[in-house]
Amino acid sequence: MKLAVLADIHGHLPALDAVLADVEAAGVDALVLNGDIATGPMPAETLDRLLALGDRAIWVGGNADRELVEECDGRLPTDLPDLVTLPTRYAASRLTRAHRDLLAGLPLTVTLDVDGLGPTLFCHASSRSDTEMVLVDSPVDRYRQAFANSAERTVVLGHTHMPFDRLADRRRFVNPGSVGMPYGEPGAYWALLGPHVTLRHTRYDLAAAADALRAAAPDYPDIDEFVAENVRTVPSDAEALAVFTPQD
C-alpha cells in the first residue's frame, strides 16, 4: 500500500484542492486524513470534497473534529479560549447532521500495513490523546510516555503543524505538517508513505486562494487574519516552537 497523509486541513479548501492534485499525480492507493479536518473557513465544502474520495479516504479524528461535534451537541466546554471557540462555532453552524455524525465516528488511531514500513500507526496527537503536544524536539521520554500504549515501529502524527521525521527509542515518528495552517513556508504540507517516507510541499496560487477564502467565508472570525497568517505568509518553525515548547 502506498499512502498520502494529509493532516490539519482546517477547512482550507484551496490548499486541499492543490494537494489533492499532487496526490492524484503520485498514484497513491489511499489517503489518510490525520485529524483537524474541517474547522476553518470552508468546513462543509472541505468535508464534501473528502467524502467524494469514497473508500480511498481513511479518516482519523483530531481535537478540532471532536470539538465540532461537542458544539453541534451543545456541550462545547465553556473555558476554551476564543481562538478555539469562535472558529468552532462558525464551522459547526455550517455542518449538516451527516457531517456531524461522520466526525463523531472518527477513531483516535488507525493502523495500516504500509509497503516498506510495515504496521504503521496513524493518530492526530498521540495514541492516547487528541491534544497531547509531541514536538520535533520533545525529549525521548515524552515520546515513550505518549505512545506507551502502542507498539508499531512507525507512527504518523499531526497536531503541531510542523513536518518532521525522527527516531525516538528505535521508533520512527513522522509528522506530515499541515495542509491548511502550516508553519515554515507558505504552501501546503503532506507526506507520501511507501516504500519510503517523503515529506511533500505543494505550492499554489496564494493570491487566488486568499480571494477564494474571503469570498466563500466573509463571516469567518478574523478571515483577514486567517488569510494573512496561513496563506500569504505563515509563522516560522522557530516562532511555532517558541509558543508550543512551554506546553511540552
C-alpha atoms as a PDB file:
ATOM      1  CA  MET A   1       0.000   0.000   0.000  1.00  0.00           C
ATOM      2  CA  LYS A   2       1.213   3.488  -0.946  1.00  0.00           C
ATOM      3  CA  LEU A   3      -0.400   6.280   1.066  1.00  0.00           C
ATOM      4  CA  ALA A   4      -0.743  10.034   1.131  1.00  0.00           C
ATOM      5  CA  VAL A   5      -1.147  11.555   4.581  1.00  0.00           C
ATOM      6  CA  LEU A   6      -2.985  14.866   4.945  1.00  0.00           C
ATOM      7  CA  ALA A   7      -3.195  16.404   8.418  1.00  0.00           C
ATOM      8  CA  ASP A   8      -4.567  19.633   9.849  1.00  0.00           C
ATOM      9  CA  ILE A   9      -6.504  20.736   6.763  1.00  0.00           C
ATOM     10  CA  HIS A  10      -8.571  23.123   8.893  1.00  0.00           C
ATOM     11  CA  GLY A  11     -11.269  23.865   6.341  1.00  0.00           C
ATOM     12  CA  HIS A  12      -8.786  25.407   3.894  1.00  0.00           C
ATOM     13  CA  LEU A  13     -10.300  24.137   0.643  1.00  0.00           C
ATOM     14  CA  PRO A  14      -7.962  25.926  -1.835  1.00  0.00           C
ATOM     15  CA  ALA A  15      -4.926  24.344  -0.153  1.00  0.00           C
ATOM     16  CA  LEU A  16      -6.659  20.958  -0.051  1.00  0.00           C
ATOM     17  CA  ASP A  17      -7.506  21.087  -3.752  1.00  0.00           C
ATOM     18  CA  ALA A  18      -3.876  21.845  -4.598  1.00  0.00           C
ATOM     19  CA  VAL A  19      -2.682  18.904  -2.531  1.00  0.00           C
ATOM     20  CA  LEU A  20      -5.274  16.546  -3.984  1.00  0.00           C
ATOM     21  CA  ALA A  21      -3.994  17.341  -7.472  1.00  0.00           C
ATOM     22  CA  ASP A  22      -0.465  16.369  -6.394  1.00  0.00           C
ATOM     23  CA  VAL A  23      -1.765  13.278  -4.620  1.00  0.00           C
ATOM     24  CA  GLU A  24      -3.501  12.071  -7.766  1.00  0.00           C
ATOM     25  CA  ALA A  25      -0.313  12.587  -9.756  1.00  0.00           C
ATOM     26  CA  ALA A  26       1.575  10.481  -7.205  1.00  0.00           C
ATOM     27  CA  GLY A  27      -0.693   7.480  -7.817  1.00  0.00           C
ATOM     28  CA  VAL A  28      -1.471   6.533  -4.219  1.00  0.00           C
ATOM     29  CA  ASP A  29      -3.748   3.717  -3.132  1.00  0.00           C
ATOM     30  CA  ALA A  30      -5.357   5.620  -0.272  1.00  0.00           C
ATOM     31  CA  LEU A  31      -5.310   8.878   1.656  1.00  0.00           C
ATOM     32  CA  VAL A  32      -5.140   9.097   5.446  1.00  0.00           C
ATOM     33  CA  LEU A  33      -6.832  12.212   6.833  1.00  0.00           C
ATOM     34  CA  ASN A  34      -4.971  12.616  10.092  1.00  0.00           C
ATOM     35  CA  GLY A  35      -7.281  14.871  12.091  1.00  0.00           C
ATOM     36  CA  ASP A  36      -8.347  18.515  12.439  1.00  0.00           C
ATOM     37  CA  ILE A  37     -10.077  18.355   9.116  1.00  0.00           C
ATOM     38  CA  ALA A  38     -12.930  20.830   8.959  1.00  0.00           C
ATOM     39  CA  THR A  39     -12.615  23.666  11.486  1.00  0.00           C
ATOM     40  CA  GLY A  40     -11.746  26.678   9.354  1.00  0.00           C
ATOM     41  CA  PRO A  41     -13.250  28.965   6.717  1.00  0.00           C
ATOM     42  CA  MET A  42     -14.814  26.288   4.459  1.00  0.00           C
ATOM     43  CA  PRO A  43     -15.768  23.364   6.705  1.00  0.00           C
ATOM     44  CA  ALA A  44     -18.686  21.812   4.834  1.00  0.00           C
ATOM     45  CA  GLU A  45     -17.042  22.230   1.437  1.00  0.00           C
ATOM     46  CA  THR A  46     -13.888  20.566   2.748  1.00  0.00           C
ATOM     47  CA  LEU A  47     -15.762  17.581   4.154  1.00  0.00           C
ATOM     48  CA  ASP A  48     -17.764  17.166   0.954  1.00  0.00           C
ATOM     49  CA  ARG A  49     -14.594  17.214  -1.144  1.00  0.00           C
ATOM     50  CA  LEU A  50     -13.061  14.496   1.017  1.00  0.00           C
ATOM     51  CA  LEU A  51     -16.244  12.427   1.103  1.00  0.00           C
ATOM     52  CA  ALA A  52     -16.095  12.346  -2.695  1.00  0.00           C
ATOM     53  CA  LEU A  53     -12.901  10.282  -2.372  1.00  0.00           C
ATOM     54  CA  GLY A  54     -15.044   7.393  -1.170  1.00  0.00           C
ATOM     55  CA  ASP A  55     -13.286   4.346   0.242  1.00  0.00           C
ATOM     56  CA  ARG A  56      -9.863   5.723  -0.676  1.00  0.00           C
ATOM     57  CA  ALA A  57     -10.095   8.089   2.287  1.00  0.00           C
ATOM     58  CA  ILE A  58      -9.191   6.739   5.733  1.00  0.00           C
ATOM     59  CA  TRP A  59     -10.315   9.121   8.463  1.00  0.00           C
ATOM     60  CA  VAL A  60      -8.697   9.788  11.854  1.00  0.00           C
ATOM     61  CA  GLY A  61     -10.148  12.151  14.440  1.00  0.00           C
ATOM     62  CA  GLY A  62      -8.445  15.205  15.904  1.00  0.00           C
ATOM     63  CA  ASN A  63      -9.278  17.531  18.756  1.00  0.00           C
ATOM     64  CA  ALA A  64     -10.857  20.119  16.458  1.00  0.00           C
ATOM     65  CA  ASP A  65     -13.115  17.439  14.964  1.00  0.00           C
ATOM     66  CA  ARG A  66     -14.205  16.356  18.447  1.00  0.00           C
ATOM     67  CA  GLU A  67     -14.856  19.963  19.437  1.00  0.00           C
ATOM     68  CA  LEU A  68     -17.056  20.439  16.371  1.00  0.00           C
ATOM     69  CA  VAL A  69     -19.215  17.534  17.491  1.00  0.00           C
ATOM     70  CA  GLU A  70     -19.356  18.946  21.011  1.00  0.00           C
ATOM     71  CA  GLU A  71     -20.516  22.309  19.647  1.00  0.00           C
ATOM     72  CA  CYS A  72     -23.140  20.643  17.432  1.00  0.00           C
ATOM     73  CA  ASP A  73     -24.414  18.830  20.531  1.00  0.00           C
ATOM     74  CA  GLY A  74     -24.387  21.946  22.719  1.00  0.00           C
ATOM     75  CA  ARG A  75     -21.664  20.689  25.044  1.00  0.00           C
ATOM     76  CA  LEU A  76     -18.507  22.526  23.966  1.00  0.00           C
ATOM     77  CA  PRO A  77     -16.573  23.388  27.159  1.00  0.00           C
ATOM     78  CA  THR A  78     -17.067  26.990  28.181  1.00  0.00           C
ATOM     79  CA  ASP A  79     -13.493  27.512  29.351  1.00  0.00           C
ATOM     80  CA  LEU A  80     -11.867  27.284  25.914  1.00  0.00           C
ATOM     81  CA  PRO A  81     -10.209  30.435  24.531  1.00  0.00           C
ATOM     82  CA  ASP A  82     -11.909  32.467  21.788  1.00  0.00           C
ATOM     83  CA  LEU A  83      -9.177  31.282  19.425  1.00  0.00           C
ATOM     84  CA  VAL A  84     -10.816  27.844  19.636  1.00  0.00           C
ATOM     85  CA  THR A  85     -14.429  28.694  20.434  1.00  0.00           C
ATOM     86  CA  LEU A  86     -15.185  31.226  17.686  1.00  0.00           C
ATOM     87  CA  PRO A  87     -13.931  29.166  14.706  1.00  0.00           C
ATOM     88  CA  THR A  88     -15.570  26.068  16.164  1.00  0.00           C
ATOM     89  CA  ARG A  89     -18.947  27.790  16.462  1.00  0.00           C
ATOM     90  CA  TYR A  90     -18.648  29.147  12.922  1.00  0.00           C
ATOM     91  CA  ALA A  91     -17.758  25.768  11.459  1.00  0.00           C
ATOM     92  CA  ALA A  92     -20.389  23.831  13.404  1.00  0.00           C
ATOM     93  CA  SER A  93     -23.113  26.216  12.234  1.00  0.00           C
ATOM     94  CA  ARG A  94     -22.358  25.255   8.638  1.00  0.00           C
ATOM     95  CA  LEU A  95     -22.355  21.480   9.014  1.00  0.00           C
ATOM     96  CA  THR A  96     -25.200  19.120   8.278  1.00  0.00           C
ATOM     97  CA  ARG A  97     -26.282  16.342  10.613  1.00  0.00           C
ATOM     98  CA  ALA A  98     -24.490  13.908   8.302  1.00  0.00           C
ATOM     99  CA  HIS A  99     -21.266  15.899   8.674  1.00  0.00           C
ATOM    100  CA  ARG A 100     -21.653  15.857  12.449  1.00  0.00           C
ATOM    101  CA  ASP A 101     -22.253  12.103  12.514  1.00  0.00           C
ATOM    102  CA  LEU A 102     -19.215  11.485  10.307  1.00  0.00           C
ATOM    103  CA  LEU A 103     -16.962  13.430  12.662  1.00  0.00           C
ATOM    104  CA  ALA A 104     -18.481  11.787  15.745  1.00  0.00           C
ATOM    105  CA  GLY A 105     -17.467   8.375  14.447  1.00  0.00           C
ATOM    106  CA  LEU A 106     -13.804   9.115  13.744  1.00  0.00           C
ATOM    107  CA  PRO A 107     -11.303   6.862  15.558  1.00  0.00           C
ATOM    108  CA  LEU A 108      -8.433   8.115  17.720  1.00  0.00           C
ATOM    109  CA  THR A 109      -5.982   5.807  15.931  1.00  0.00           C
ATOM    110  CA  VAL A 110      -5.762   3.648  12.820  1.00  0.00           C
ATOM    111  CA  THR A 111      -3.109   1.044  11.994  1.00  0.00           C
ATOM    112  CA  LEU A 112      -2.305   0.183   8.374  1.00  0.00           C
ATOM    113  CA  ASP A 113       0.298  -2.059   6.750  1.00  0.00           C
ATOM    114  CA  VAL A 114       2.381   0.240   4.532  1.00  0.00           C
ATOM    115  CA  ASP A 115       4.816  -1.025   1.905  1.00  0.00           C
ATOM    116  CA  GLY A 116       8.370  -0.841   3.206  1.00  0.00           C
ATOM    117  CA  LEU A 117       7.292   0.367   6.653  1.00  0.00           C
ATOM    118  CA  GLY A 118       5.101  -2.442   7.937  1.00  0.00           C
ATOM    119  CA  PRO A 119       2.346  -1.841  10.502  1.00  0.00           C
ATOM    120  CA  THR A 120       2.086   1.934  10.865  1.00  0.00           C
ATOM    121  CA  LEU A 121       0.064   3.784  13.488  1.00  0.00           C
ATOM    122  CA  PHE A 122      -1.793   6.951  12.498  1.00  0.00           C
ATOM    123  CA  CYS A 123      -3.059   9.385  15.122  1.00  0.00           C
ATOM    124  CA  HIS A 124      -3.629  13.108  15.397  1.00  0.00           C
ATOM    125  CA  ALA A 125      -1.640  13.967  18.530  1.00  0.00           C
ATOM    126  CA  SER A 126      -0.688  10.748  20.330  1.00  0.00           C
ATOM    127  CA  SER A 127      -2.024   7.233  20.676  1.00  0.00           C
ATOM    128  CA  ARG A 128      -3.681   8.144  23.988  1.00  0.00           C
ATOM    129  CA  SER A 129      -4.943  11.692  23.428  1.00  0.00           C
ATOM    130  CA  ASP A 130      -6.074  14.011  20.624  1.00  0.00           C
ATOM    131  CA  THR A 131      -4.487  17.044  22.319  1.00  0.00           C
ATOM    132  CA  GLU A 132      -1.102  15.832  23.566  1.00  0.00           C
ATOM    133  CA  MET A 133       1.773  18.020  22.405  1.00  0.00           C
ATOM    134  CA  VAL A 134       4.646  15.999  20.903  1.00  0.00           C
ATOM    135  CA  LEU A 135       7.159  18.201  19.111  1.00  0.00           C
ATOM    136  CA  VAL A 136      10.076  17.541  16.811  1.00  0.00           C
ATOM    137  CA  ASP A 137      12.436  18.387  19.685  1.00  0.00           C
ATOM    138  CA  SER A 138      10.473  16.762  22.510  1.00  0.00           C
ATOM    139  CA  PRO A 139      12.596  14.552  24.791  1.00  0.00           C
ATOM    140  CA  VAL A 140      12.626  10.841  24.071  1.00  0.00           C
ATOM    141  CA  ASP A 141      10.837  10.248  27.370  1.00  0.00           C
ATOM    142  CA  ARG A 142       7.893  12.295  26.086  1.00  0.00           C
ATOM    143  CA  TYR A 143       7.662  10.003  23.069  1.00  0.00           C
ATOM    144  CA  ARG A 144       7.887   6.917  25.284  1.00  0.00           C
ATOM    145  CA  GLN A 145       5.059   8.147  27.514  1.00  0.00           C
ATOM    146  CA  ALA A 146       2.787   9.458  24.757  1.00  0.00           C
ATOM    147  CA  PHE A 147       2.961   6.214  22.762  1.00  0.00           C
ATOM    148  CA  ALA A 148       3.426   3.673  25.544  1.00  0.00           C
ATOM    149  CA  ASN A 149       0.115   2.020  24.742  1.00  0.00           C
ATOM    150  CA  SER A 150       1.134   1.238  21.140  1.00  0.00           C
ATOM    151  CA  ALA A 151       3.813  -0.979  19.609  1.00  0.00           C
ATOM    152  CA  GLU A 152       4.049  -0.029  15.921  1.00  0.00           C
ATOM    153  CA  ARG A 153       7.578   0.866  14.880  1.00  0.00           C
ATOM    154  CA  THR A 154       6.380   3.682  12.608  1.00  0.00           C
ATOM    155  CA  VAL A 155       3.974   6.335  13.880  1.00  0.00           C
ATOM    156  CA  VAL A 156       2.427   9.200  11.904  1.00  0.00           C
ATOM    157  CA  LEU A 157       1.050  12.097  13.927  1.00  0.00           C
ATOM    158  CA  GLY A 158      -0.067  15.679  13.352  1.00  0.00           C
ATOM    159  CA  HIS A 159      -1.406  18.401  15.667  1.00  0.00           C
ATOM    160  CA  THR A 160       1.701  20.624  15.822  1.00  0.00           C
ATOM    161  CA  HIS A 161       1.565  21.529  12.105  1.00  0.00           C
ATOM    162  CA  MET A 162       5.336  21.085  11.641  1.00  0.00           C
ATOM    163  CA  PRO A 163       6.765  18.463   9.272  1.00  0.00           C
ATOM    164  CA  PHE A 164       9.447  16.175  10.658  1.00  0.00           C
ATOM    165  CA  ASP A 165      10.840  12.647  10.502  1.00  0.00           C
ATOM    166  CA  ARG A 166      12.791  11.482  13.558  1.00  0.00           C
ATOM    167  CA  LEU A 167      13.753   8.470  15.634  1.00  0.00           C
ATOM    168  CA  ALA A 168      12.858   8.137  19.302  1.00  0.00           C
ATOM    169  CA  ASP A 169      13.824   4.966  21.153  1.00  0.00           C
ATOM    170  CA  ARG A 170      14.117   2.979  17.910  1.00  0.00           C
ATOM    171  CA  ARG A 171      10.688   4.015  16.704  1.00  0.00           C
ATOM    172  CA  ARG A 172      10.179   6.300  13.700  1.00  0.00           C
ATOM    173  CA  PHE A 173       7.858   9.271  14.121  1.00  0.00           C
ATOM    174  CA  VAL A 174       6.615  11.246  11.117  1.00  0.00           C
ATOM    175  CA  ASN A 175       4.609  14.452  11.036  1.00  0.00           C
ATOM    176  CA  PRO A 176       3.462  15.445   7.524  1.00  0.00           C
ATOM    177  CA  GLY A 177       2.913  19.083   8.543  1.00  0.00           C
ATOM    178  CA  SER A 178      -0.305  20.963   7.898  1.00  0.00           C
ATOM    179  CA  VAL A 179      -2.280  21.356   4.695  1.00  0.00           C
ATOM    180  CA  GLY A 180      -4.272  24.385   5.798  1.00  0.00           C
ATOM    181  CA  MET A 181      -2.375  26.130   8.622  1.00  0.00           C
ATOM    182  CA  PRO A 182       1.320  25.417   8.031  1.00  0.00           C
ATOM    183  CA  TYR A 183       4.489  26.544   9.746  1.00  0.00           C
ATOM    184  CA  GLY A 184       7.684  27.105   7.812  1.00  0.00           C
ATOM    185  CA  GLU A 185       6.992  28.416   4.310  1.00  0.00           C
ATOM    186  CA  PRO A 186       3.703  29.278   2.550  1.00  0.00           C
ATOM    187  CA  GLY A 187       2.054  26.373   0.790  1.00  0.00           C
ATOM    188  CA  ALA A 188       0.584  23.060   1.889  1.00  0.00           C
ATOM    189  CA  TYR A 189       2.457  20.205   3.561  1.00  0.00           C
ATOM    190  CA  TRP A 190       1.709  16.478   3.407  1.00  0.00           C
ATOM    191  CA  ALA A 191       3.554  13.155   3.163  1.00  0.00           C
ATOM    192  CA  LEU A 192       3.921  10.117   0.929  1.00  0.00           C
ATOM    193  CA  LEU A 193       4.426   6.749   2.617  1.00  0.00           C
ATOM    194  CA  GLY A 194       5.516   3.532   0.946  1.00  0.00           C
ATOM    195  CA  PRO A 195       8.059   2.191   0.495  1.00  0.00           C
ATOM    196  CA  HIS A 196       9.843   5.317   1.799  1.00  0.00           C
ATOM    197  CA  VAL A 197       8.759   8.395   3.749  1.00  0.00           C
ATOM    198  CA  THR A 198       8.721  11.561   1.648  1.00  0.00           C
ATOM    199  CA  LEU A 199       7.705  14.891   3.135  1.00  0.00           C
ATOM    200  CA  ARG A 200       5.976  16.939   0.444  1.00  0.00           C
ATOM    201  CA  HIS A 201       5.365  20.674  -0.004  1.00  0.00           C
ATOM    202  CA  THR A 202       2.710  21.771  -2.506  1.00  0.00           C
ATOM    203  CA  ARG A 203       2.830  25.341  -3.777  1.00  0.00           C
ATOM    204  CA  TYR A 204      -0.319  27.008  -5.089  1.00  0.00           C
ATOM    205  CA  ASP A 205      -1.615  30.420  -6.149  1.00  0.00           C
ATOM    206  CA  LEU A 206      -1.684  32.266  -2.831  1.00  0.00           C
ATOM    207  CA  ALA A 207      -3.485  35.339  -4.128  1.00  0.00           C
ATOM    208  CA  ALA A 208      -6.230  33.268  -5.741  1.00  0.00           C
ATOM    209  CA  ALA A 209      -6.597  31.205  -2.573  1.00  0.00           C
ATOM    210  CA  ALA A 210      -6.897  34.347  -0.462  1.00  0.00           C
ATOM    211  CA  ASP A 211      -9.616  35.713  -2.735  1.00  0.00           C
ATOM    212  CA  ALA A 212     -11.487  32.395  -2.704  1.00  0.00           C
ATOM    213  CA  LEU A 213     -11.457  32.159   1.091  1.00  0.00           C
ATOM    214  CA  ARG A 214     -12.634  35.736   1.553  1.00  0.00           C
ATOM    215  CA  ALA A 215     -15.428  35.254  -0.969  1.00  0.00           C
ATOM    216  CA  ALA A 216     -16.590  31.939   0.500  1.00  0.00           C
ATOM    217  CA  ALA A 217     -16.282  32.860   4.173  1.00  0.00           C
ATOM    218  CA  PRO A 218     -16.737  36.604   4.736  1.00  0.00           C
ATOM    219  CA  ASP A 219     -18.234  35.898   8.187  1.00  0.00           C
ATOM    220  CA  TYR A 220     -15.432  33.620   9.371  1.00  0.00           C
ATOM    221  CA  PRO A 221     -13.915  35.061  12.578  1.00  0.00           C
ATOM    222  CA  ASP A 222     -10.965  37.264  11.548  1.00  0.00           C
ATOM    223  CA  ILE A 223     -10.903  35.982   7.973  1.00  0.00           C
ATOM    224  CA  ASP A 224      -8.324  38.604   7.027  1.00  0.00           C
ATOM    225  CA  GLU A 225      -6.066  37.399   9.812  1.00  0.00           C
ATOM    226  CA  PHE A 226      -6.532  33.784   8.727  1.00  0.00           C
ATOM    227  CA  VAL A 227      -5.509  34.703   5.179  1.00  0.00           C
ATOM    228  CA  ALA A 228      -2.583  36.831   6.307  1.00  0.00           C
ATOM    229  CA  GLU A 229      -1.144  34.212   8.667  1.00  0.00           C
ATOM    230  CA  ASN A 230      -1.977  30.948   6.867  1.00  0.00           C
ATOM    231  CA  VAL A 231      -1.922  31.812   3.182  1.00  0.00           C
ATOM    232  CA  ARG A 232       0.105  34.862   2.231  1.00  0.00           C
ATOM    233  CA  THR A 233       2.668  34.366   4.999  1.00  0.00           C
ATOM    234  CA  VAL A 234       2.982  31.716   7.707  1.00  0.00           C
ATOM    235  CA  PRO A 235       4.794  31.568  11.052  1.00  0.00           C
ATOM    236  CA  SER A 236       8.278  30.114  11.025  1.00  0.00           C
ATOM    237  CA  ASP A 237       9.070  26.843  12.741  1.00  0.00           C
ATOM    238  CA  ALA A 238      11.100  28.799  15.323  1.00  0.00           C
ATOM    239  CA  GLU A 239       8.107  31.017  16.121  1.00  0.00           C
ATOM    240  CA  ALA A 240       5.839  27.995  16.474  1.00  0.00           C
ATOM    241  CA  LEU A 241       8.261  26.143  18.743  1.00  0.00           C
ATOM    242  CA  ALA A 242       8.577  29.219  20.947  1.00  0.00           C
ATOM    243  CA  VAL A 243       4.812  29.082  21.518  1.00  0.00           C
ATOM    244  CA  PHE A 244       4.494  25.296  21.886  1.00  0.00           C
ATOM    245  CA  THR A 245       7.583  24.460  23.936  1.00  0.00           C
ATOM    246  CA  PRO A 246       6.201  25.708  27.297  1.00  0.00           C
ATOM    247  CA  GLN A 247       3.391  23.181  26.828  1.00  0.00           C
ATOM    248  CA  ASP A 248       5.815  20.338  26.142  1.00  0.00           C
END
